[in-house]
Amino acid sequence: MKPLVDRWALVTGASRGIGQQVALALAEEGCRLILHSRSVEATAALAGRLREQGATVHSVAAELSDSAAVLRLADEVGALCGSLDILYNNAAVMTPYREDYLSAVPADYELSFRVNTIAPILLCNHFLPKMMARGWGRIVNVTSGIKDQPELMAYAASKAALDKYVYDTAPKLQGTGVTMNLLDPGWLRTDLGGPNAPGAVESVLPGALVPVLATDGTSGRWVSAQDFAPL
């Protein structure tokens, strides 16, 4: 029997791109899915496709730049599933490429940190205690290998802050049955990655499921999806 059968999984940013690929893969593993996007209409087609395949699926909506909306989302997810087993923090925003990178734009940093850092941390902090009480849980925070591009510093800095949260929380999870790890999907052709990215979005699999399926209890690991992509 597959180890994830009947586990409840929340995937943020599930309407397209990496989130959609992850949702499809988790359904293949037998998970029950909660699909997040800014609107329930955005995940309607995916939800219908998964239901046709026999999966249990709910759609939820929240604007992740609004911390109050994120907390309401967490409560709604809890009401739907009772106990969440897998949290896949995938949703993110990419702020504009700033040629004049020395002219800081506060709004870029504020939006990046609200969506890419604060929202995932709020969701982690909400669900971690319940996972630890049950002795099982998997949290995957999608990060980025971006570097040496100060033109995209607002995005890069927000991901670096999320990395720090994961690394510093990891020791607290040792022996709990709950893991929290990072996934670098690689530069892929998605709405965020753009049409000139070298990788197809499908290449995020099977690597994207490595931190969910791992059984060694390790937290604070950086997993590069492209290390597992088919040649």
C-alpha atoms as a PDB file:
ATOM      1  CA  MET A   1       0.000   0.000   0.000  1.00  0.00           C
ATOM      2  CA  LYS A   2       1.269   3.470  -0.819  1.00  0.00           C
ATOM      3  CA  PRO A   3       2.355   5.354   2.330  1.00  0.00           C
ATOM      4  CA  LEU A   4       0.385   8.533   1.596  1.00  0.00           C
ATOM      5  CA  VAL A   5      -3.013   6.967   0.957  1.00  0.00           C
ATOM      6  CA  ASP A   6      -5.789   9.011   2.614  1.00  0.00           C
ATOM      7  CA  ARG A   7      -3.363  11.630   3.922  1.00  0.00           C
ATOM      8  CA  TRP A   8      -4.751  15.154   3.727  1.00  0.00           C
ATOM      9  CA  ALA A   9      -2.549  17.561   1.759  1.00  0.00           C
ATOM     10  CA  LEU A  10      -2.845  21.314   1.251  1.00  0.00           C
ATOM     11  CA  VAL A  11      -1.095  22.676  -1.837  1.00  0.00           C
ATOM     12  CA  THR A  12      -0.932  26.456  -2.116  1.00  0.00           C
ATOM     13  CA  GLY A  13      -0.839  27.980  -5.575  1.00  0.00           C
ATOM     14  CA  ALA A  14      -2.354  24.824  -7.034  1.00  0.00           C
ATOM     15  CA  SER A  15      -4.134  26.321 -10.040  1.00  0.00           C
ATOM     16  CA  ARG A  16      -1.184  25.999 -12.414  1.00  0.00           C
ATOM     17  CA  GLY A  17       2.532  25.387 -12.753  1.00  0.00           C
ATOM     18  CA  ILE A  18       4.422  23.588 -10.018  1.00  0.00           C
ATOM     19  CA  GLY A  19       1.469  23.529  -7.641  1.00  0.00           C
ATOM     20  CA  GLN A  20      -0.699  21.776 -10.189  1.00  0.00           C
ATOM     21  CA  GLN A  21       2.016  19.202 -10.883  1.00  0.00           C
ATOM     22  CA  VAL A  22       2.418  18.539  -7.163  1.00  0.00           C
ATOM     23  CA  ALA A  23      -1.333  18.172  -6.670  1.00  0.00           C
ATOM     24  CA  LEU A  24      -1.577  15.658  -9.508  1.00  0.00           C
ATOM     25  CA  ALA A  25       1.344  13.661  -8.120  1.00  0.00           C
ATOM     26  CA  LEU A  26      -0.037  13.630  -4.573  1.00  0.00           C
ATOM     27  CA  ALA A  27      -3.384  12.422  -5.891  1.00  0.00           C
ATOM     28  CA  GLU A  28      -1.562   9.584  -7.649  1.00  0.00           C
ATOM     29  CA  GLU A  29      -0.125   8.655  -4.254  1.00  0.00           C
ATOM     30  CA  GLY A  30      -3.643   8.452  -2.827  1.00  0.00           C
ATOM     31  CA  CYS A  31      -3.773  11.757  -0.962  1.00  0.00           C
ATOM     32  CA  ARG A  32      -6.903  13.732  -0.283  1.00  0.00           C
ATOM     33  CA  LEU A  33      -6.335  17.204  -1.694  1.00  0.00           C
ATOM     34  CA  ILE A  34      -7.095  20.743  -0.619  1.00  0.00           C
ATOM     35  CA  LEU A  35      -6.267  23.042  -3.508  1.00  0.00           C
ATOM     36  CA  HIS A  36      -5.528  26.676  -2.799  1.00  0.00           C
ATOM     37  CA  SER A  37      -5.584  29.614  -5.167  1.00  0.00           C
ATOM     38  CA  ARG A  38      -6.767  33.213  -5.092  1.00  0.00           C
ATOM     39  CA  SER A  39     -10.218  32.015  -6.186  1.00  0.00           C
ATOM     40  CA  VAL A  40     -11.962  28.654  -6.114  1.00  0.00           C
ATOM     41  CA  GLU A  41     -12.758  29.111  -9.809  1.00  0.00           C
ATOM     42  CA  ALA A  42      -9.041  28.980 -10.599  1.00  0.00           C
ATOM     43  CA  THR A  43      -8.744  25.394  -9.358  1.00  0.00           C
ATOM     44  CA  ALA A  44     -12.146  24.192 -10.593  1.00  0.00           C
ATOM     45  CA  ALA A  45     -10.809  22.430 -13.685  1.00  0.00           C
ATOM     46  CA  LEU A  46      -8.055  20.669 -11.744  1.00  0.00           C
ATOM     47  CA  ALA A  47     -10.461  19.670  -8.978  1.00  0.00           C
ATOM     48  CA  GLY A  48     -12.837  18.199 -11.545  1.00  0.00           C
ATOM     49  CA  ARG A  49     -10.040  16.273 -13.212  1.00  0.00           C
ATOM     50  CA  LEU A  50      -8.881  14.822  -9.898  1.00  0.00           C
ATOM     51  CA  ARG A  51     -12.413  13.855  -8.847  1.00  0.00           C
ATOM     52  CA  GLU A  52     -12.856  12.007 -12.121  1.00  0.00           C
ATOM     53  CA  GLN A  53      -9.777  10.020 -11.148  1.00  0.00           C
ATOM     54  CA  GLY A  54     -11.382   9.142  -7.817  1.00  0.00           C
ATOM     55  CA  ALA A  55      -9.647  11.638  -5.538  1.00  0.00           C
ATOM     56  CA  THR A  56     -11.256  13.525  -2.677  1.00  0.00           C
ATOM     57  CA  VAL A  57     -10.752  17.222  -3.397  1.00  0.00           C
ATOM     58  CA  HIS A  58     -11.704  20.567  -1.873  1.00  0.00           C
ATOM     59  CA  SER A  59     -10.897  24.013  -3.245  1.00  0.00           C
ATOM     60  CA  VAL A  60     -10.148  27.002  -1.020  1.00  0.00           C
ATOM     61  CA  ALA A  61      -9.292  30.611  -1.750  1.00  0.00           C
ATOM     62  CA  ALA A  62      -7.196  33.244  -0.012  1.00  0.00           C
ATOM     63  CA  GLU A  63      -5.045  36.235  -0.861  1.00  0.00           C
ATOM     64  CA  LEU A  64      -1.718  35.335   0.729  1.00  0.00           C
ATOM     65  CA  SER A  65      -0.525  38.926   0.956  1.00  0.00           C
ATOM     66  CA  ASP A  66      -3.244  39.424   3.602  1.00  0.00           C
ATOM     67  CA  SER A  67      -2.124  37.800   6.868  1.00  0.00           C
ATOM     68  CA  ALA A  68      -5.656  37.790   8.271  1.00  0.00           C
ATOM     69  CA  ALA A  69      -6.841  35.934   5.163  1.00  0.00           C
ATOM     70  CA  VAL A  70      -4.024  33.405   5.612  1.00  0.00           C
ATOM     71  CA  LEU A  71      -5.149  32.680   9.169  1.00  0.00           C
ATOM     72  CA  ARG A  72      -8.744  32.291   8.002  1.00  0.00           C
ATOM     73  CA  LEU A  73      -7.490  29.888   5.346  1.00  0.00           C
ATOM     74  CA  ALA A  74      -5.753  27.807   8.002  1.00  0.00           C
ATOM     75  CA  ASP A  75      -8.960  27.584  10.010  1.00  0.00           C
ATOM     76  CA  GLU A  76     -10.972  26.656   6.915  1.00  0.00           C
ATOM     77  CA  VAL A  77      -8.532  23.882   6.030  1.00  0.00           C
ATOM     78  CA  GLY A  78      -8.769  22.513   9.560  1.00  0.00           C
ATOM     79  CA  ALA A  79     -12.557  22.521   9.356  1.00  0.00           C
ATOM     80  CA  LEU A  80     -12.447  20.628   6.053  1.00  0.00           C
ATOM     81  CA  CYS A  81     -10.029  17.871   6.969  1.00  0.00           C
ATOM     82  CA  GLY A  82      -9.824  17.820  10.751  1.00  0.00           C
ATOM     83  CA  SER A  83      -6.099  17.192  10.714  1.00  0.00           C
ATOM     84  CA  LEU A  84      -3.740  18.197   7.935  1.00  0.00           C
ATOM     85  CA  ASP A  85      -0.933  15.746   7.178  1.00  0.00           C
ATOM     86  CA  ILE A  86       0.980  17.447   4.358  1.00  0.00           C
ATOM     87  CA  LEU A  87       1.535  21.162   3.855  1.00  0.00           C
ATOM     88  CA  TYR A  88       3.041  22.140   0.527  1.00  0.00           C
ATOM     89  CA  ASN A  89       3.823  25.865   0.537  1.00  0.00           C
ATOM     90  CA  ASN A  90       4.234  26.454  -3.172  1.00  0.00           C
ATOM     91  CA  ALA A  91       2.523  29.785  -3.901  1.00  0.00           C
ATOM     92  CA  ALA A  92       4.831  32.733  -4.538  1.00  0.00           C
ATOM     93  CA  VAL A  93       5.075  36.043  -6.339  1.00  0.00           C
ATOM     94  CA  MET A  94       7.922  37.348  -8.460  1.00  0.00           C
ATOM     95  CA  THR A  95       8.320  41.115  -8.282  1.00  0.00           C
ATOM     96  CA  PRO A  96       9.527  43.162 -11.279  1.00  0.00           C
ATOM     97  CA  TYR A  97      13.069  42.897 -12.612  1.00  0.00           C
ATOM     98  CA  ARG A  98      14.704  46.141 -11.521  1.00  0.00           C
ATOM     99  CA  GLU A  99      17.567  47.195 -13.782  1.00  0.00           C
ATOM    100  CA  ASP A 100      18.440  49.935 -11.316  1.00  0.00           C
ATOM    101  CA  TYR A 101      18.710  47.543  -8.400  1.00  0.00           C
ATOM    102  CA  LEU A 102      20.195  50.163  -6.066  1.00  0.00           C
ATOM    103  CA  SER A 103      16.935  52.085  -6.091  1.00  0.00           C
ATOM    104  CA  ALA A 104      14.992  50.032  -3.597  1.00  0.00           C
ATOM    105  CA  VAL A 105      11.241  49.829  -4.105  1.00  0.00           C
ATOM    106  CA  PRO A 106       9.682  49.206  -0.690  1.00  0.00           C
ATOM    107  CA  ALA A 107       6.463  47.835  -2.196  1.00  0.00           C
ATOM    108  CA  ASP A 108       8.421  45.055  -3.931  1.00  0.00           C
ATOM    109  CA  TYR A 109       9.931  43.901  -0.666  1.00  0.00           C
ATOM    110  CA  GLU A 110       6.674  44.218   1.241  1.00  0.00           C
ATOM    111  CA  LEU A 111       4.715  42.110  -1.241  1.00  0.00           C
ATOM    112  CA  SER A 112       7.487  39.517  -1.590  1.00  0.00           C
ATOM    113  CA  PHE A 113       7.829  39.019   2.132  1.00  0.00           C
ATOM    114  CA  ARG A 114       4.075  38.924   2.754  1.00  0.00           C
ATOM    115  CA  VAL A 115       3.456  36.206   0.173  1.00  0.00           C
ATOM    116  CA  ASN A 116       6.752  34.318  -0.001  1.00  0.00           C
ATOM    117  CA  THR A 117       7.805  34.405   3.651  1.00  0.00           C
ATOM    118  CA  ILE A 118       5.114  35.445   6.106  1.00  0.00           C
ATOM    119  CA  ALA A 119       2.245  33.433   4.614  1.00  0.00           C
ATOM    120  CA  PRO A 120       4.169  30.119   4.557  1.00  0.00           C
ATOM    121  CA  ILE A 121       5.433  30.717   8.094  1.00  0.00           C
ATOM    122  CA  LEU A 122       1.925  31.437   9.365  1.00  0.00           C
ATOM    123  CA  LEU A 123       0.656  28.209   7.830  1.00  0.00           C
ATOM    124  CA  CYS A 124       3.590  26.222   9.210  1.00  0.00           C
ATOM    125  CA  ASN A 125       3.117  27.646  12.687  1.00  0.00           C
ATOM    126  CA  HIS A 126      -0.593  26.859  12.580  1.00  0.00           C
ATOM    127  CA  PHE A 127      -0.308  23.232  11.509  1.00  0.00           C
ATOM    128  CA  LEU A 128       2.986  22.183  13.134  1.00  0.00           C
ATOM    129  CA  PRO A 129       1.660  21.723  16.705  1.00  0.00           C
ATOM    130  CA  LYS A 130      -1.158  19.474  15.519  1.00  0.00           C
ATOM    131  CA  MET A 131       1.183  17.420  13.348  1.00  0.00           C
ATOM    132  CA  MET A 132       3.604  17.020  16.238  1.00  0.00           C
ATOM    133  CA  ALA A 133       0.813  15.973  18.594  1.00  0.00           C
ATOM    134  CA  ARG A 134      -0.147  13.197  16.142  1.00  0.00           C
ATOM    135  CA  GLY A 135       3.470  12.205  15.504  1.00  0.00           C
ATOM    136  CA  TRP A 136       3.375  12.566  11.729  1.00  0.00           C
ATOM    137  CA  GLY A 137       3.527  15.375   9.206  1.00  0.00           C
ATOM    138  CA  ARG A 138       5.335  16.607   6.118  1.00  0.00           C
ATOM    139  CA  ILE A 139       5.949  20.263   5.316  1.00  0.00           C
ATOM    140  CA  VAL A 140       7.605  21.344   2.081  1.00  0.00           C
ATOM    141  CA  ASN A 141       8.469  24.991   1.509  1.00  0.00           C
ATOM    142  CA  VAL A 142       9.329  25.825  -2.079  1.00  0.00           C
ATOM    143  CA  THR A 143      12.514  27.883  -2.281  1.00  0.00           C
ATOM    144  CA  SER A 144      14.722  29.175  -5.073  1.00  0.00           C
ATOM    145  CA  GLY A 145      18.292  28.698  -6.186  1.00  0.00           C
ATOM    146  CA  ILE A 146      18.389  32.226  -7.571  1.00  0.00           C
ATOM    147  CA  LYS A 147      21.644  34.090  -6.858  1.00  0.00           C
ATOM    148  CA  ASP A 148      23.859  36.863  -8.215  1.00  0.00           C
ATOM    149  CA  GLN A 149      20.843  38.758  -9.531  1.00  0.00           C
ATOM    150  CA  PRO A 150      20.316  41.840  -7.362  1.00  0.00           C
ATOM    151  CA  GLU A 151      17.739  42.960  -9.926  1.00  0.00           C
ATOM    152  CA  LEU A 152      15.442  40.353  -8.350  1.00  0.00           C
ATOM    153  CA  MET A 153      16.556  40.925  -4.773  1.00  0.00           C
ATOM    154  CA  ALA A 154      13.073  41.396  -3.313  1.00  0.00           C
ATOM    155  CA  TYR A 155      12.131  37.896  -4.429  1.00  0.00           C
ATOM    156  CA  ALA A 156      15.508  36.366  -3.572  1.00  0.00           C
ATOM    157  CA  ALA A 157      15.599  37.892  -0.104  1.00  0.00           C
ATOM    158  CA  SER A 158      12.101  36.667   0.704  1.00  0.00           C
ATOM    159  CA  LYS A 159      13.067  33.122  -0.213  1.00  0.00           C
ATOM    160  CA  ALA A 160      16.300  33.359   1.789  1.00  0.00           C
ATOM    161  CA  ALA A 161      14.267  34.392   4.833  1.00  0.00           C
ATOM    162  CA  LEU A 162      12.006  31.364   4.383  1.00  0.00           C
ATOM    163  CA  ASP A 163      15.095  29.154   4.154  1.00  0.00           C
ATOM    164  CA  LYS A 164      16.325  30.561   7.474  1.00  0.00           C
ATOM    165  CA  TYR A 165      12.995  29.763   9.109  1.00  0.00           C
ATOM    166  CA  VAL A 166      13.230  26.158   7.947  1.00  0.00           C
ATOM    167  CA  TYR A 167      16.853  25.686   9.002  1.00  0.00           C
ATOM    168  CA  ASP A 168      16.287  27.136  12.476  1.00  0.00           C
ATOM    169  CA  THR A 169      13.063  25.195  13.067  1.00  0.00           C
ATOM    170  CA  ALA A 170      14.479  21.866  11.895  1.00  0.00           C
ATOM    171  CA  PRO A 171      16.267  20.917  15.171  1.00  0.00           C
ATOM    172  CA  LYS A 172      12.988  21.329  17.073  1.00  0.00           C
ATOM    173  CA  LEU A 173      11.397  18.640  14.899  1.00  0.00           C
ATOM    174  CA  GLN A 174      13.952  15.916  15.513  1.00  0.00           C
ATOM    175  CA  GLY A 175      12.249  12.760  16.735  1.00  0.00           C
ATOM    176  CA  THR A 176       8.719  14.144  16.363  1.00  0.00           C
ATOM    177  CA  GLY A 177       7.730  12.271  13.210  1.00  0.00           C
ATOM    178  CA  VAL A 178       7.250  15.620  11.481  1.00  0.00           C
ATOM    179  CA  THR A 179       9.649  16.920   8.858  1.00  0.00           C
ATOM    180  CA  MET A 180      10.066  20.332   7.271  1.00  0.00           C
ATOM    181  CA  ASN A 181      12.256  20.697   4.217  1.00  0.00           C
ATOM    182  CA  LEU A 182      12.951  22.940   1.249  1.00  0.00           C
ATOM    183  CA  LEU A 183      12.385  22.182  -2.408  1.00  0.00           C
ATOM    184  CA  ASP A 184      14.213  24.027  -5.172  1.00  0.00           C
ATOM    185  CA  PRO A 185      12.204  23.214  -8.307  1.00  0.00           C
ATOM    186  CA  GLY A 186      14.784  24.668 -10.679  1.00  0.00           C
ATOM    187  CA  TRP A 187      14.194  27.341 -13.301  1.00  0.00           C
ATOM    188  CA  LEU A 188      11.057  26.170 -15.055  1.00  0.00           C
ATOM    189  CA  ARG A 189       8.715  27.475 -17.727  1.00  0.00           C
ATOM    190  CA  THR A 190       5.900  28.696 -15.502  1.00  0.00           C
ATOM    191  CA  ASP A 191       4.131  32.023 -15.090  1.00  0.00           C
ATOM    192  CA  LEU A 192       6.745  32.909 -12.478  1.00  0.00           C
ATOM    193  CA  GLY A 193       9.766  31.426 -14.276  1.00  0.00           C
ATOM    194  CA  GLY A 194       8.844  32.835 -17.659  1.00  0.00           C
ATOM    195  CA  PRO A 195       8.864  31.360 -21.172  1.00  0.00           C
ATOM    196  CA  ASN A 196      12.659  31.390 -21.528  1.00  0.00           C
ATOM    197  CA  ALA A 197      13.368  29.082 -18.596  1.00  0.00           C
ATOM    198  CA  PRO A 198      15.296  25.947 -19.595  1.00  0.00           C
ATOM    199  CA  GLY A 199      13.111  23.386 -17.829  1.00  0.00           C
ATOM    200  CA  ALA A 200       9.626  22.079 -18.501  1.00  0.00           C
ATOM    201  CA  VAL A 201       7.323  22.338 -15.500  1.00  0.00           C
ATOM    202  CA  GLU A 202       6.825  18.561 -15.609  1.00  0.00           C
ATOM    203  CA  SER A 203      10.501  18.100 -14.720  1.00  0.00           C
ATOM    204  CA  VAL A 204       9.708  19.107 -11.136  1.00  0.00           C
ATOM    205  CA  LEU A 205       8.604  15.489 -10.716  1.00  0.00           C
ATOM    206  CA  PRO A 206       9.471  13.111  -9.231  1.00  0.00           C
ATOM    207  CA  GLY A 207      11.804  15.331  -7.189  1.00  0.00           C
ATOM    208  CA  ALA A 208       8.983  17.408  -5.745  1.00  0.00           C
ATOM    209  CA  LEU A 209       7.725  14.383  -3.828  1.00  0.00           C
ATOM    210  CA  VAL A 210      11.098  13.356  -2.396  1.00  0.00           C
ATOM    211  CA  PRO A 211      10.726  15.364   0.859  1.00  0.00           C
ATOM    212  CA  VAL A 212       7.152  14.102   1.280  1.00  0.00           C
ATOM    213  CA  LEU A 213       7.995  10.431   0.783  1.00  0.00           C
ATOM    214  CA  ALA A 214      11.232  10.441   2.799  1.00  0.00           C
ATOM    215  CA  THR A 215      11.117   8.274   5.916  1.00  0.00           C
ATOM    216  CA  ASP A 216      14.442   9.099   7.579  1.00  0.00           C
ATOM    217  CA  GLY A 217      12.998  11.859   9.760  1.00  0.00           C
ATOM    218  CA  THR A 218      15.394  14.518   8.472  1.00  0.00           C
ATOM    219  CA  SER A 219      14.382  18.166   8.516  1.00  0.00           C
ATOM    220  CA  GLY A 220      16.212  21.201   7.187  1.00  0.00           C
ATOM    221  CA  ARG A 221      17.191  19.506   3.949  1.00  0.00           C
ATOM    222  CA  TRP A 222      17.470  21.345   0.630  1.00  0.00           C
ATOM    223  CA  VAL A 223      16.121  19.116  -2.139  1.00  0.00           C
ATOM    224  CA  SER A 224      16.833  20.068  -5.757  1.00  0.00           C
ATOM    225  CA  ALA A 225      14.061  18.641  -7.910  1.00  0.00           C
ATOM    226  CA  GLN A 226      16.234  18.666 -11.004  1.00  0.00           C
ATOM    227  CA  ASP A 227      18.570  16.134  -9.374  1.00  0.00           C
ATOM    228  CA  PHE A 228      15.765  13.605  -9.815  1.00  0.00           C
ATOM    229  CA  ALA A 229      14.438  14.722 -13.200  1.00  0.00           C
ATOM    230  CA  PRO A 230      14.434  12.093 -15.939  1.00  0.00           C
ATOM    231  CA  LEU A 231      17.354  12.443 -18.341  1.00  0.00           C
END
